[in-house]
Amino acid sequence: MLASEVVRLNVGGAHFETLRSTLSSPQAAQSRFETMLDGTQAWARQTIDGAYFIDRDPRHFRHILNYLRATFQPGSIAGRQSLLELKQEAEWFGLLPMAQEIDQVLFGLEAE
């Protein structure tokens, strides 16, 4: 694997690494990640060590990456508040299909 294939992310002080192909997956189409990789963004700045700094709370970011990797299971997230917070992050990143999946789980919780 080439070093250029690995993207380092600093999300609110928490460090993540993923593949460039994860951030450019079909799930990431029309998201903020697309603009980050093509250089037309102003929301994520590359730091001196090459990581992209994203000024967001890192608490739910692993779920964002799992969605991009096609391994996201919204039903496995405990608590309505956590789901609402994750939905807010998904919307901020421009991952509207992910937000819709979370809405379906929230609707199911309300129906119970």
PDB file of N, CA and C in Angstrom:
ATOM      1  N   MET A   1       0.838  -1.174   0.000  1.00  0.00           N
ATOM      2  CA  MET A   1       0.000   0.000   0.000  1.00  0.00           C
ATOM      3  C   MET A   1       0.881   1.235   0.000  1.00  0.00           C
ATOM      4  N   LEU A   2       0.575   2.152  -0.854  1.00  0.00           N
ATOM      5  CA  LEU A   2       1.333   3.393  -0.943  1.00  0.00           C
ATOM      6  C   LEU A   2       0.899   4.359   0.144  1.00  0.00           C
ATOM      7  N   ALA A   3       1.855   5.141   0.635  1.00  0.00           N
ATOM      8  CA  ALA A   3       1.544   6.133   1.659  1.00  0.00           C
ATOM      9  C   ALA A   3       0.511   7.129   1.158  1.00  0.00           C
ATOM     10  N   SER A   4       0.512   7.395  -0.143  1.00  0.00           N
ATOM     11  CA  SER A   4      -0.451   8.362  -0.700  1.00  0.00           C
ATOM     12  C   SER A   4      -1.885   7.834  -0.667  1.00  0.00           C
ATOM     13  N   GLU A   5      -2.054   6.539  -0.461  1.00  0.00           N
ATOM     14  CA  GLU A   5      -3.389   5.955  -0.373  1.00  0.00           C
ATOM     15  C   GLU A   5      -3.999   6.141   1.015  1.00  0.00           C
ATOM     16  N   VAL A   6      -3.162   6.381   2.011  1.00  0.00           N
ATOM     17  CA  VAL A   6      -3.628   6.556   3.381  1.00  0.00           C
ATOM     18  C   VAL A   6      -3.836   8.044   3.653  1.00  0.00           C
ATOM     19  N   VAL A   7      -4.999   8.347   4.214  1.00  0.00           N
ATOM     20  CA  VAL A   7      -5.320   9.731   4.560  1.00  0.00           C
ATOM     21  C   VAL A   7      -5.414   9.809   6.081  1.00  0.00           C
ATOM     22  N   ARG A   8      -4.672  10.752   6.635  1.00  0.00           N
ATOM     23  CA  ARG A   8      -4.711  10.961   8.081  1.00  0.00           C
ATOM     24  C   ARG A   8      -5.659  12.102   8.392  1.00  0.00           C
ATOM     25  N   LEU A   9      -6.498  11.875   9.378  1.00  0.00           N
ATOM     26  CA  LEU A   9      -7.489  12.861   9.776  1.00  0.00           C
ATOM     27  C   LEU A   9      -7.333  13.156  11.260  1.00  0.00           C
ATOM     28  N   ASN A  10      -7.413  14.415  11.596  1.00  0.00           N
ATOM     29  CA  ASN A  10      -7.415  14.854  12.985  1.00  0.00           C
ATOM     30  C   ASN A  10      -8.784  15.487  13.201  1.00  0.00           C
ATOM     31  N   VAL A  11      -9.653  14.761  13.868  1.00  0.00           N
ATOM     32  CA  VAL A  11     -11.019  15.239  14.080  1.00  0.00           C
ATOM     33  C   VAL A  11     -11.136  15.690  15.535  1.00  0.00           C
ATOM     34  N   GLY A  12     -11.120  16.995  15.723  1.00  0.00           N
ATOM     35  CA  GLY A  12     -11.227  17.547  17.070  1.00  0.00           C
ATOM     36  C   GLY A  12     -10.184  17.025  18.031  1.00  0.00           C
ATOM     37  N   GLY A  13      -8.998  16.695  17.532  1.00  0.00           N
ATOM     38  CA  GLY A  13      -7.904  16.209  18.369  1.00  0.00           C
ATOM     39  C   GLY A  13      -7.753  14.699  18.386  1.00  0.00           C
ATOM     40  N   ALA A  14      -8.733  13.969  17.871  1.00  0.00           N
ATOM     41  CA  ALA A  14      -8.646  12.503  17.775  1.00  0.00           C
ATOM     42  C   ALA A  14      -8.142  12.141  16.381  1.00  0.00           C
ATOM     43  N   HIS A  15      -7.228  11.205  16.335  1.00  0.00           N
ATOM     44  CA  HIS A  15      -6.591  10.859  15.061  1.00  0.00           C
ATOM     45  C   HIS A  15      -7.205   9.600  14.466  1.00  0.00           C
ATOM     46  N   PHE A  16      -7.459   9.663  13.184  1.00  0.00           N
ATOM     47  CA  PHE A  16      -8.021   8.559  12.413  1.00  0.00           C
ATOM     48  C   PHE A  16      -7.188   8.408  11.153  1.00  0.00           C
ATOM     49  N   GLU A  17      -7.126   7.193  10.659  1.00  0.00           N
ATOM     50  CA  GLU A  17      -6.505   6.938   9.360  1.00  0.00           C
ATOM     51  C   GLU A  17      -7.453   6.085   8.555  1.00  0.00           C
ATOM     52  N   THR A  18      -7.524   6.393   7.282  1.00  0.00           N
ATOM     53  CA  THR A  18      -8.374   5.625   6.395  1.00  0.00           C
ATOM     54  C   THR A  18      -7.777   5.698   4.994  1.00  0.00           C
ATOM     55  N   LEU A  19      -8.347   4.972   4.109  1.00  0.00           N
ATOM     56  CA  LEU A  19      -7.878   4.986   2.725  1.00  0.00           C
ATOM     57  C   LEU A  19      -8.557   6.107   1.944  1.00  0.00           C
ATOM     58  N   ARG A  20      -7.828   6.650   0.999  1.00  0.00           N
ATOM     59  CA  ARG A  20      -8.391   7.658   0.107  1.00  0.00           C
ATOM     60  C   ARG A  20      -9.643   7.095  -0.585  1.00  0.00           C
ATOM     61  N   SER A  21      -9.619   5.815  -0.922  1.00  0.00           N
ATOM     62  CA  SER A  21     -10.773   5.199  -1.582  1.00  0.00           C
ATOM     63  C   SER A  21     -12.001   5.166  -0.670  1.00  0.00           C
ATOM     64  N   THR A  22     -11.800   5.117   0.643  1.00  0.00           N
ATOM     65  CA  THR A  22     -12.939   5.176   1.570  1.00  0.00           C
ATOM     66  C   THR A  22     -13.593   6.548   1.504  1.00  0.00           C
ATOM     67  N   LEU A  23     -12.773   7.594   1.489  1.00  0.00           N
ATOM     68  CA  LEU A  23     -13.303   8.959   1.464  1.00  0.00           C
ATOM     69  C   LEU A  23     -13.862   9.353   0.106  1.00  0.00           C
ATOM     70  N   SER A  24     -13.567   8.561  -0.917  1.00  0.00           N
ATOM     71  CA  SER A  24     -14.108   8.831  -2.248  1.00  0.00           C
ATOM     72  C   SER A  24     -15.044   7.717  -2.705  1.00  0.00           C
ATOM     73  N   SER A  25     -15.563   6.944  -1.752  1.00  0.00           N
ATOM     74  CA  SER A  25     -16.484   5.848  -2.062  1.00  0.00           C
ATOM     75  C   SER A  25     -17.805   6.401  -2.591  1.00  0.00           C
ATOM     76  N   PRO A  26     -18.627   5.561  -3.210  1.00  0.00           N
ATOM     77  CA  PRO A  26     -19.938   6.031  -3.682  1.00  0.00           C
ATOM     78  C   PRO A  26     -20.777   6.667  -2.566  1.00  0.00           C
ATOM     79  N   GLN A  27     -20.626   6.187  -1.345  1.00  0.00           N
ATOM     80  CA  GLN A  27     -21.372   6.749  -0.225  1.00  0.00           C
ATOM     81  C   GLN A  27     -20.950   8.194   0.066  1.00  0.00           C
ATOM     82  N   ALA A  28     -19.745   8.563  -0.348  1.00  0.00           N
ATOM     83  CA  ALA A  28     -19.225   9.907  -0.079  1.00  0.00           C
ATOM     84  C   ALA A  28     -19.539  10.904  -1.193  1.00  0.00           C
ATOM     85  N   ALA A  29     -20.220  10.454  -2.231  1.00  0.00           N
ATOM     86  CA  ALA A  29     -20.538  11.350  -3.346  1.00  0.00           C
ATOM     87  C   ALA A  29     -21.314  12.556  -2.839  1.00  0.00           C
ATOM     88  N   GLN A  30     -20.934  13.719  -3.304  1.00  0.00           N
ATOM     89  CA  GLN A  30     -21.560  14.996  -2.972  1.00  0.00           C
ATOM     90  C   GLN A  30     -21.462  15.339  -1.485  1.00  0.00           C
ATOM     91  N   SER A  31     -20.448  14.799  -0.828  1.00  0.00           N
ATOM     92  CA  SER A  31     -20.239  15.099   0.584  1.00  0.00           C
ATOM     93  C   SER A  31     -19.067  16.063   0.741  1.00  0.00           C
ATOM     94  N   ARG A  32     -18.828  16.479   1.960  1.00  0.00           N
ATOM     95  CA  ARG A  32     -17.688  17.351   2.239  1.00  0.00           C
ATOM     96  C   ARG A  32     -16.364  16.628   1.977  1.00  0.00           C
ATOM     97  N   PHE A  33     -16.356  15.299   2.075  1.00  0.00           N
ATOM     98  CA  PHE A  33     -15.119  14.562   1.825  1.00  0.00           C
ATOM     99  C   PHE A  33     -14.696  14.703   0.374  1.00  0.00           C
ATOM    100  N   GLU A  34     -15.657  14.740  -0.509  1.00  0.00           N
ATOM    101  CA  GLU A  34     -15.353  14.903  -1.925  1.00  0.00           C
ATOM    102  C   GLU A  34     -14.609  16.221  -2.156  1.00  0.00           C
ATOM    103  N   THR A  35     -15.070  17.304  -1.537  1.00  0.00           N
ATOM    104  CA  THR A  35     -14.403  18.594  -1.717  1.00  0.00           C
ATOM    105  C   THR A  35     -13.072  18.649  -0.986  1.00  0.00           C
ATOM    106  N   MET A  36     -12.953  17.881   0.107  1.00  0.00           N
ATOM    107  CA  MET A  36     -11.679  17.848   0.826  1.00  0.00           C
ATOM    108  C   MET A  36     -10.593  17.229  -0.057  1.00  0.00           C
ATOM    109  N   LEU A  37     -10.927  16.148  -0.723  1.00  0.00           N
ATOM    110  CA  LEU A  37      -9.938  15.441  -1.538  1.00  0.00           C
ATOM    111  C   LEU A  37      -9.605  16.174  -2.831  1.00  0.00           C
ATOM    112  N   ASP A  38     -10.566  16.905  -3.385  1.00  0.00           N
ATOM    113  CA  ASP A  38     -10.258  17.586  -4.652  1.00  0.00           C
ATOM    114  C   ASP A  38      -9.671  18.980  -4.452  1.00  0.00           C
ATOM    115  N   GLY A  39      -9.521  19.387  -3.184  1.00  0.00           N
ATOM    116  CA  GLY A  39      -8.846  20.643  -2.887  1.00  0.00           C
ATOM    117  C   GLY A  39      -9.710  21.885  -2.995  1.00  0.00           C
ATOM    118  N   THR A  40     -11.013  21.726  -3.188  1.00  0.00           N
ATOM    119  CA  THR A  40     -11.889  22.890  -3.320  1.00  0.00           C
ATOM    120  C   THR A  40     -12.568  23.250  -2.006  1.00  0.00           C
ATOM    121  N   GLN A  41     -12.093  22.720  -0.920  1.00  0.00           N
ATOM    122  CA  GLN A  41     -12.718  22.940   0.380  1.00  0.00           C
ATOM    123  C   GLN A  41     -12.013  24.039   1.159  1.00  0.00           C
ATOM    124  N   ALA A  42     -12.717  24.549   2.140  1.00  0.00           N
ATOM    125  CA  ALA A  42     -12.109  25.479   3.079  1.00  0.00           C
ATOM    126  C   ALA A  42     -12.399  25.045   4.507  1.00  0.00           C
ATOM    127  N   TRP A  43     -13.095  23.947   4.671  1.00  0.00           N
ATOM    128  CA  TRP A  43     -13.536  23.505   5.994  1.00  0.00           C
ATOM    129  C   TRP A  43     -12.545  22.564   6.669  1.00  0.00           C
ATOM    130  N   ALA A  44     -11.667  21.932   5.952  1.00  0.00           N
ATOM    131  CA  ALA A  44     -10.657  21.028   6.520  1.00  0.00           C
ATOM    132  C   ALA A  44      -9.292  21.508   6.057  1.00  0.00           C
ATOM    133  N   ARG A  45      -8.454  21.818   6.991  1.00  0.00           N
ATOM    134  CA  ARG A  45      -7.119  22.336   6.660  1.00  0.00           C
ATOM    135  C   ARG A  45      -6.082  21.251   6.870  1.00  0.00           C
ATOM    136  N   GLN A  46      -5.134  21.162   5.956  1.00  0.00           N
ATOM    137  CA  GLN A  46      -4.053  20.197   6.106  1.00  0.00           C
ATOM    138  C   GLN A  46      -3.001  20.783   7.034  1.00  0.00           C
ATOM    139  N   THR A  47      -2.633  20.016   8.056  1.00  0.00           N
ATOM    140  CA  THR A  47      -1.663  20.470   9.044  1.00  0.00           C
ATOM    141  C   THR A  47      -0.248  20.174   8.579  1.00  0.00           C
ATOM    142  N   ILE A  48       0.707  20.642   9.343  1.00  0.00           N
ATOM    143  CA  ILE A  48       2.124  20.485   9.001  1.00  0.00           C
ATOM    144  C   ILE A  48       2.520  19.011   8.849  1.00  0.00           C
ATOM    145  N   ASP A  49       1.854  18.121   9.609  1.00  0.00           N
ATOM    146  CA  ASP A  49       2.174  16.691   9.521  1.00  0.00           C
ATOM    147  C   ASP A  49       1.397  15.983   8.408  1.00  0.00           C
ATOM    148  N   GLY A  50       0.619  16.746   7.633  1.00  0.00           N
ATOM    149  CA  GLY A  50      -0.099  16.175   6.497  1.00  0.00           C
ATOM    150  C   GLY A  50      -1.505  15.715   6.798  1.00  0.00           C
ATOM    151  N   ALA A  51      -1.894  15.730   8.068  1.00  0.00           N
ATOM    152  CA  ALA A  51      -3.249  15.321   8.429  1.00  0.00           C
ATOM    153  C   ALA A  51      -4.231  16.435   8.085  1.00  0.00           C
ATOM    154  N   TYR A  52      -5.446  16.061   7.779  1.00  0.00           N
ATOM    155  CA  TYR A  52      -6.505  17.039   7.591  1.00  0.00           C
ATOM    156  C   TYR A  52      -7.141  17.304   8.950  1.00  0.00           C
ATOM    157  N   PHE A  53      -7.163  18.563   9.368  1.00  0.00           N
ATOM    158  CA  PHE A  53      -7.803  18.912  10.632  1.00  0.00           C
ATOM    159  C   PHE A  53      -9.256  19.248  10.362  1.00  0.00           C
ATOM    160  N   ILE A  54     -10.139  18.534  11.039  1.00  0.00           N
ATOM    161  CA  ILE A  54     -11.583  18.740  10.919  1.00  0.00           C
ATOM    162  C   ILE A  54     -12.087  19.168  12.287  1.00  0.00           C
ATOM    163  N   ASP A  55     -12.590  20.366  12.371  1.00  0.00           N
ATOM    164  CA  ASP A  55     -13.010  20.948  13.642  1.00  0.00           C
ATOM    165  C   ASP A  55     -14.421  20.479  14.015  1.00  0.00           C
ATOM    166  N   ARG A  56     -14.509  19.201  14.364  1.00  0.00           N
ATOM    167  CA  ARG A  56     -15.777  18.589  14.771  1.00  0.00           C
ATOM    168  C   ARG A  56     -15.509  17.716  15.991  1.00  0.00           C
ATOM    169  N   ASP A  57     -16.563  17.420  16.733  1.00  0.00           N
ATOM    170  CA  ASP A  57     -16.471  16.511  17.868  1.00  0.00           C
ATOM    171  C   ASP A  57     -16.191  15.107  17.331  1.00  0.00           C
ATOM    172  N   PRO A  58     -15.155  14.441  17.814  1.00  0.00           N
ATOM    173  CA  PRO A  58     -14.790  13.131  17.261  1.00  0.00           C
ATOM    174  C   PRO A  58     -15.651  11.966  17.757  1.00  0.00           C
ATOM    175  N   ARG A  59     -16.550  12.233  18.687  1.00  0.00           N
ATOM    176  CA  ARG A  59     -17.289  11.149  19.350  1.00  0.00           C
ATOM    177  C   ARG A  59     -17.929  10.155  18.382  1.00  0.00           C
ATOM    178  N   HIS A  60     -18.538  10.640  17.319  1.00  0.00           N
ATOM    179  CA  HIS A  60     -19.270   9.758  16.397  1.00  0.00           C
ATOM    180  C   HIS A  60     -18.543   9.536  15.073  1.00  0.00           C
ATOM    181  N   PHE A  61     -17.329  10.040  14.959  1.00  0.00           N
ATOM    182  CA  PHE A  61     -16.667   9.997  13.655  1.00  0.00           C
ATOM    183  C   PHE A  61     -16.398   8.576  13.170  1.00  0.00           C
ATOM    184  N   ARG A  62     -16.168   7.644  14.075  1.00  0.00           N
ATOM    185  CA  ARG A  62     -15.941   6.257  13.627  1.00  0.00           C
ATOM    186  C   ARG A  62     -17.156   5.708  12.889  1.00  0.00           C
ATOM    187  N   HIS A  63     -18.355   6.155  13.290  1.00  0.00           N
ATOM    188  CA  HIS A  63     -19.572   5.724  12.587  1.00  0.00           C
ATOM    189  C   HIS A  63     -19.629   6.334  11.186  1.00  0.00           C
ATOM    190  N   ILE A  64     -19.142   7.560  11.066  1.00  0.00           N
ATOM    191  CA  ILE A  64     -19.072   8.200   9.745  1.00  0.00           C
ATOM    192  C   ILE A  64     -18.162   7.379   8.830  1.00  0.00           C
ATOM    193  N   LEU A  65     -16.980   7.018   9.334  1.00  0.00           N
ATOM    194  CA  LEU A  65     -16.065   6.204   8.529  1.00  0.00           C
ATOM    195  C   LEU A  65     -16.661   4.835   8.212  1.00  0.00           C
ATOM    196  N   ASN A  66     -17.327   4.229   9.178  1.00  0.00           N
ATOM    197  CA  ASN A  66     -17.940   2.920   8.927  1.00  0.00           C
ATOM    198  C   ASN A  66     -19.028   3.009   7.860  1.00  0.00           C
ATOM    199  N   TYR A  67     -19.755   4.097   7.844  1.00  0.00           N
ATOM    200  CA  TYR A  67     -20.744   4.289   6.780  1.00  0.00           C
ATOM    201  C   TYR A  67     -20.051   4.335   5.419  1.00  0.00           C
ATOM    202  N   LEU A  68     -18.951   5.072   5.340  1.00  0.00           N
ATOM    203  CA  LEU A  68     -18.218   5.169   4.074  1.00  0.00           C
ATOM    204  C   LEU A  68     -17.609   3.836   3.677  1.00  0.00           C
ATOM    205  N   ARG A  69     -17.319   3.004   4.653  1.00  0.00           N
ATOM    206  CA  ARG A  69     -16.773   1.665   4.382  1.00  0.00           C
ATOM    207  C   ARG A  69     -17.871   0.643   4.124  1.00  0.00           C
ATOM    208  N   ALA A  70     -19.121   1.073   4.172  1.00  0.00           N
ATOM    209  CA  ALA A  70     -20.288   0.208   3.948  1.00  0.00           C
ATOM    210  C   ALA A  70     -20.468  -0.810   5.067  1.00  0.00           C
ATOM    211  N   THR A  71     -20.064  -0.447   6.286  1.00  0.00           N
ATOM    212  CA  THR A  71     -20.255  -1.358   7.420  1.00  0.00           C
ATOM    213  C   THR A  71     -21.040  -0.693   8.543  1.00  0.00           C
ATOM    214  N   PHE A  72     -21.807   0.325   8.220  1.00  0.00           N
ATOM    215  CA  PHE A  72     -22.567   1.085   9.217  1.00  0.00           C
ATOM    216  C   PHE A  72     -23.854   0.354   9.568  1.00  0.00           C
ATOM    217  N   GLN A  73     -24.115   0.195  10.848  1.00  0.00           N
ATOM    218  CA  GLN A  73     -25.327  -0.441  11.349  1.00  0.00           C
ATOM    219  C   GLN A  73     -26.007   0.518  12.331  1.00  0.00           C
ATOM    220  N   PRO A  74     -26.908   1.392  11.852  1.00  0.00           N
ATOM    221  CA  PRO A  74     -27.490   2.381  12.757  1.00  0.00           C
ATOM    222  C   PRO A  74     -28.269   1.770  13.909  1.00  0.00           C
ATOM    223  N   GLY A  75     -28.814   0.578  13.720  1.00  0.00           N
ATOM    224  CA  GLY A  75     -29.569  -0.070  14.782  1.00  0.00           C
ATOM    225  C   GLY A  75     -28.710  -0.516  15.950  1.00  0.00           C
ATOM    226  N   SER A  76     -27.390  -0.545  15.754  1.00  0.00           N
ATOM    227  CA  SER A  76     -26.495  -0.980  16.828  1.00  0.00           C
ATOM    228  C   SER A  76     -26.095   0.162  17.757  1.00  0.00           C
ATOM    229  N   ILE A  77     -26.529   1.376  17.446  1.00  0.00           N
ATOM    230  CA  ILE A  77     -26.178   2.534  18.264  1.00  0.00           C
ATOM    231  C   ILE A  77     -27.237   2.699  19.340  1.00  0.00           C
ATOM    232  N   ALA A  78     -26.789   2.677  20.581  1.00  0.00           N
ATOM    233  CA  ALA A  78     -27.717   2.751  21.704  1.00  0.00           C
ATOM    234  C   ALA A  78     -28.066   4.200  22.014  1.00  0.00           C
ATOM    235  N   GLY A  79     -29.347   4.439  22.202  1.00  0.00           N
ATOM    236  CA  GLY A  79     -29.786   5.733  22.700  1.00  0.00           C
ATOM    237  C   GLY A  79     -30.237   6.698  21.633  1.00  0.00           C
ATOM    238  N   ARG A  80     -31.385   7.259  21.867  1.00  0.00           N
ATOM    239  CA  ARG A  80     -31.968   8.231  20.953  1.00  0.00           C
ATOM    240  C   ARG A  80     -31.062   9.457  20.808  1.00  0.00           C
ATOM    241  N   GLN A  81     -30.499   9.939  21.916  1.00  0.00           N
ATOM    242  CA  GLN A  81     -29.650  11.127  21.870  1.00  0.00           C
ATOM    243  C   GLN A  81     -28.414  10.894  21.005  1.00  0.00           C
ATOM    244  N   SER A  82     -27.791   9.731  21.147  1.00  0.00           N
ATOM    245  CA  SER A  82     -26.619   9.408  20.317  1.00  0.00           C
ATOM    246  C   SER A  82     -26.990   9.371  18.844  1.00  0.00           C
ATOM    247  N   LEU A  83     -28.150   8.813  18.534  1.00  0.00           N
ATOM    248  CA  LEU A  83     -28.599   8.775  17.142  1.00  0.00           C
ATOM    249  C   LEU A  83     -28.852  10.176  16.601  1.00  0.00           C
ATOM    250  N   LEU A  84     -29.454  11.040  17.420  1.00  0.00           N
ATOM    251  CA  LEU A  84     -29.696  12.417  16.982  1.00  0.00           C
ATOM    252  C   LEU A  84     -28.378  13.163  16.739  1.00  0.00           C
ATOM    253  N   GLU A  85     -27.400  12.954  17.623  1.00  0.00           N
ATOM    254  CA  GLU A  85     -26.096  13.588  17.448  1.00  0.00           C
ATOM    255  C   GLU A  85     -25.415  13.082  16.183  1.00  0.00           C
ATOM    256  N   LEU A  86     -25.493  11.778  15.958  1.00  0.00           N
ATOM    257  CA  LEU A  86     -24.877  11.200  14.764  1.00  0.00           C
ATOM    258  C   LEU A  86     -25.565  11.703  13.499  1.00  0.00           C
ATOM    259  N   LYS A  87     -26.884  11.828  13.555  1.00  0.00           N
ATOM    260  CA  LYS A  87     -27.616  12.358  12.399  1.00  0.00           C
ATOM    261  C   LYS A  87     -27.143  13.778  12.088  1.00  0.00           C
ATOM    262  N   GLN A  88     -26.945  14.580  13.112  1.00  0.00           N
ATOM    263  CA  GLN A  88     -26.460  15.946  12.919  1.00  0.00           C
ATOM    264  C   GLN A  88     -25.085  15.938  12.254  1.00  0.00           C
ATOM    265  N   GLU A  89     -24.205  15.040  12.683  1.00  0.00           N
ATOM    266  CA  GLU A  89     -22.876  14.950  12.063  1.00  0.00           C
ATOM    267  C   GLU A  89     -22.986  14.488  10.612  1.00  0.00           C
ATOM    268  N   ALA A  90     -23.832  13.494  10.360  1.00  0.00           N
ATOM    269  CA  ALA A  90     -24.013  13.002   8.988  1.00  0.00           C
ATOM    270  C   ALA A  90     -24.498  14.128   8.077  1.00  0.00           C
ATOM    271  N   GLU A  91     -25.433  14.923   8.568  1.00  0.00           N
ATOM    272  CA  GLU A  91     -25.929  16.052   7.769  1.00  0.00           C
ATOM    273  C   GLU A  91     -24.832  17.079   7.538  1.00  0.00           C
ATOM    274  N   TRP A  92     -24.028  17.365   8.557  1.00  0.00           N
ATOM    275  CA  TRP A  92     -22.952  18.345   8.400  1.00  0.00           C
ATOM    276  C   TRP A  92     -21.948  17.895   7.350  1.00  0.00           C
ATOM    277  N   PHE A  93     -21.619  16.604   7.350  1.00  0.00           N
ATOM    278  CA  PHE A  93     -20.660  16.076   6.375  1.00  0.00           C
ATOM    279  C   PHE A  93     -21.293  15.905   4.992  1.00  0.00           C
ATOM    280  N   GLY A  94     -22.595  16.116   4.881  1.00  0.00           N
ATOM    281  CA  GLY A  94     -23.264  15.976   3.587  1.00  0.00           C
ATOM    282  C   GLY A  94     -23.606  14.545   3.237  1.00  0.00           C
ATOM    283  N   LEU A  95     -23.714  13.700   4.237  1.00  0.00           N
ATOM    284  CA  LEU A  95     -24.044  12.286   4.034  1.00  0.00           C
ATOM    285  C   LEU A  95     -25.546  12.097   4.283  1.00  0.00           C
ATOM    286  N   LEU A  96     -26.342  12.632   3.371  1.00  0.00           N
ATOM    287  CA  LEU A  96     -27.789  12.641   3.565  1.00  0.00           C
ATOM    288  C   LEU A  96     -28.417  11.245   3.564  1.00  0.00           C
ATOM    289  N   PRO A  97     -27.948  10.294   2.747  1.00  0.00           N
ATOM    290  CA  PRO A  97     -28.507   8.943   2.861  1.00  0.00           C
ATOM    291  C   PRO A  97     -28.259   8.318   4.250  1.00  0.00           C
ATOM    292  N   MET A  98     -27.119   8.611   4.847  1.00  0.00           N
ATOM    293  CA  MET A  98     -26.839   8.119   6.196  1.00  0.00           C
ATOM    294  C   MET A  98     -27.827   8.729   7.185  1.00  0.00           C
ATOM    295  N   ALA A  99     -28.068  10.028   7.066  1.00  0.00           N
ATOM    296  CA  ALA A  99     -29.028  10.704   7.942  1.00  0.00           C
ATOM    297  C   ALA A  99     -30.415  10.095   7.778  1.00  0.00           C
ATOM    298  N   GLN A 100     -30.779   9.727   6.558  1.00  0.00           N
ATOM    299  CA  GLN A 100     -32.081   9.102   6.321  1.00  0.00           C
ATOM    300  C   GLN A 100     -32.159   7.723   6.971  1.00  0.00           C
ATOM    301  N   GLU A 101     -31.069   6.957   6.929  1.00  0.00           N
ATOM    302  CA  GLU A 101     -31.048   5.656   7.607  1.00  0.00           C
ATOM    303  C   GLU A 101     -31.257   5.831   9.107  1.00  0.00           C
ATOM    304  N   ILE A 102     -30.623   6.839   9.667  1.00  0.00           N
ATOM    305  CA  ILE A 102     -30.768   7.117  11.099  1.00  0.00           C
ATOM    306  C   ILE A 102     -32.202   7.523  11.406  1.00  0.00           C
ATOM    307  N   ASP A 103     -32.809   8.329  10.535  1.00  0.00           N
ATOM    308  CA  ASP A 103     -34.213   8.710  10.704  1.00  0.00           C
ATOM    309  C   ASP A 103     -35.120   7.488  10.778  1.00  0.00           C
ATOM    310  N   GLN A 104     -34.854   6.499   9.947  1.00  0.00           N
ATOM    311  CA  GLN A 104     -35.667   5.282   9.952  1.00  0.00           C
ATOM    312  C   GLN A 104     -35.560   4.563  11.289  1.00  0.00           C
ATOM    313  N   VAL A 105     -34.354   4.510  11.847  1.00  0.00           N
ATOM    314  CA  VAL A 105     -34.172   3.870  13.148  1.00  0.00           C
ATOM    315  C   VAL A 105     -34.887   4.695  14.226  1.00  0.00           C
ATOM    316  N   LEU A 106     -34.759   6.010  14.174  1.00  0.00           N
ATOM    317  CA  LEU A 106     -35.446   6.866  15.141  1.00  0.00           C
ATOM    318  C   LEU A 106     -36.960   6.711  15.036  1.00  0.00           C
ATOM    319  N   PHE A 107     -37.474   6.617  13.842  1.00  0.00           N
ATOM    320  CA  PHE A 107     -38.922   6.416  13.640  1.00  0.00           C
ATOM    321  C   PHE A 107     -39.354   5.102  14.275  1.00  0.00           C
ATOM    322  N   GLY A 108     -38.516   4.064  14.105  1.00  0.00           N
ATOM    323  CA  GLY A 108     -38.826   2.770  14.704  1.00  0.00           C
ATOM    324  C   GLY A 108     -38.831   2.834  16.225  1.00  0.00           C
ATOM    325  N   LEU A 109     -37.931   3.633  16.804  1.00  0.00           N
ATOM    326  CA  LEU A 109     -37.903   3.786  18.254  1.00  0.00           C
ATOM    327  C   LEU A 109     -39.153   4.502  18.751  1.00  0.00           C
ATOM    328  N   GLU A 110     -39.613   5.485  18.008  1.00  0.00           N
ATOM    329  CA  GLU A 110     -40.803   6.229  18.402  1.00  0.00           C
ATOM    330  C   GLU A 110     -42.060   5.374  18.293  1.00  0.00           C
ATOM    331  N   ALA A 111     -42.059   4.426  17.354  1.00  0.00           N
ATOM    332  CA  ALA A 111     -43.216   3.573  17.157  1.00  0.00           C
ATOM    333  C   ALA A 111     -43.349   2.505  18.247  1.00  0.00           C
ATOM    334  N   GLU A 112     -42.257   2.262  18.943  1.00  0.00           N
ATOM    335  CA  GLU A 112     -42.278   1.204  19.982  1.00  0.00           C
ATOM    336  C   GLU A 112     -43.014   1.650  21.209  1.00  0.00           C
TER     337      GLU A 112
END
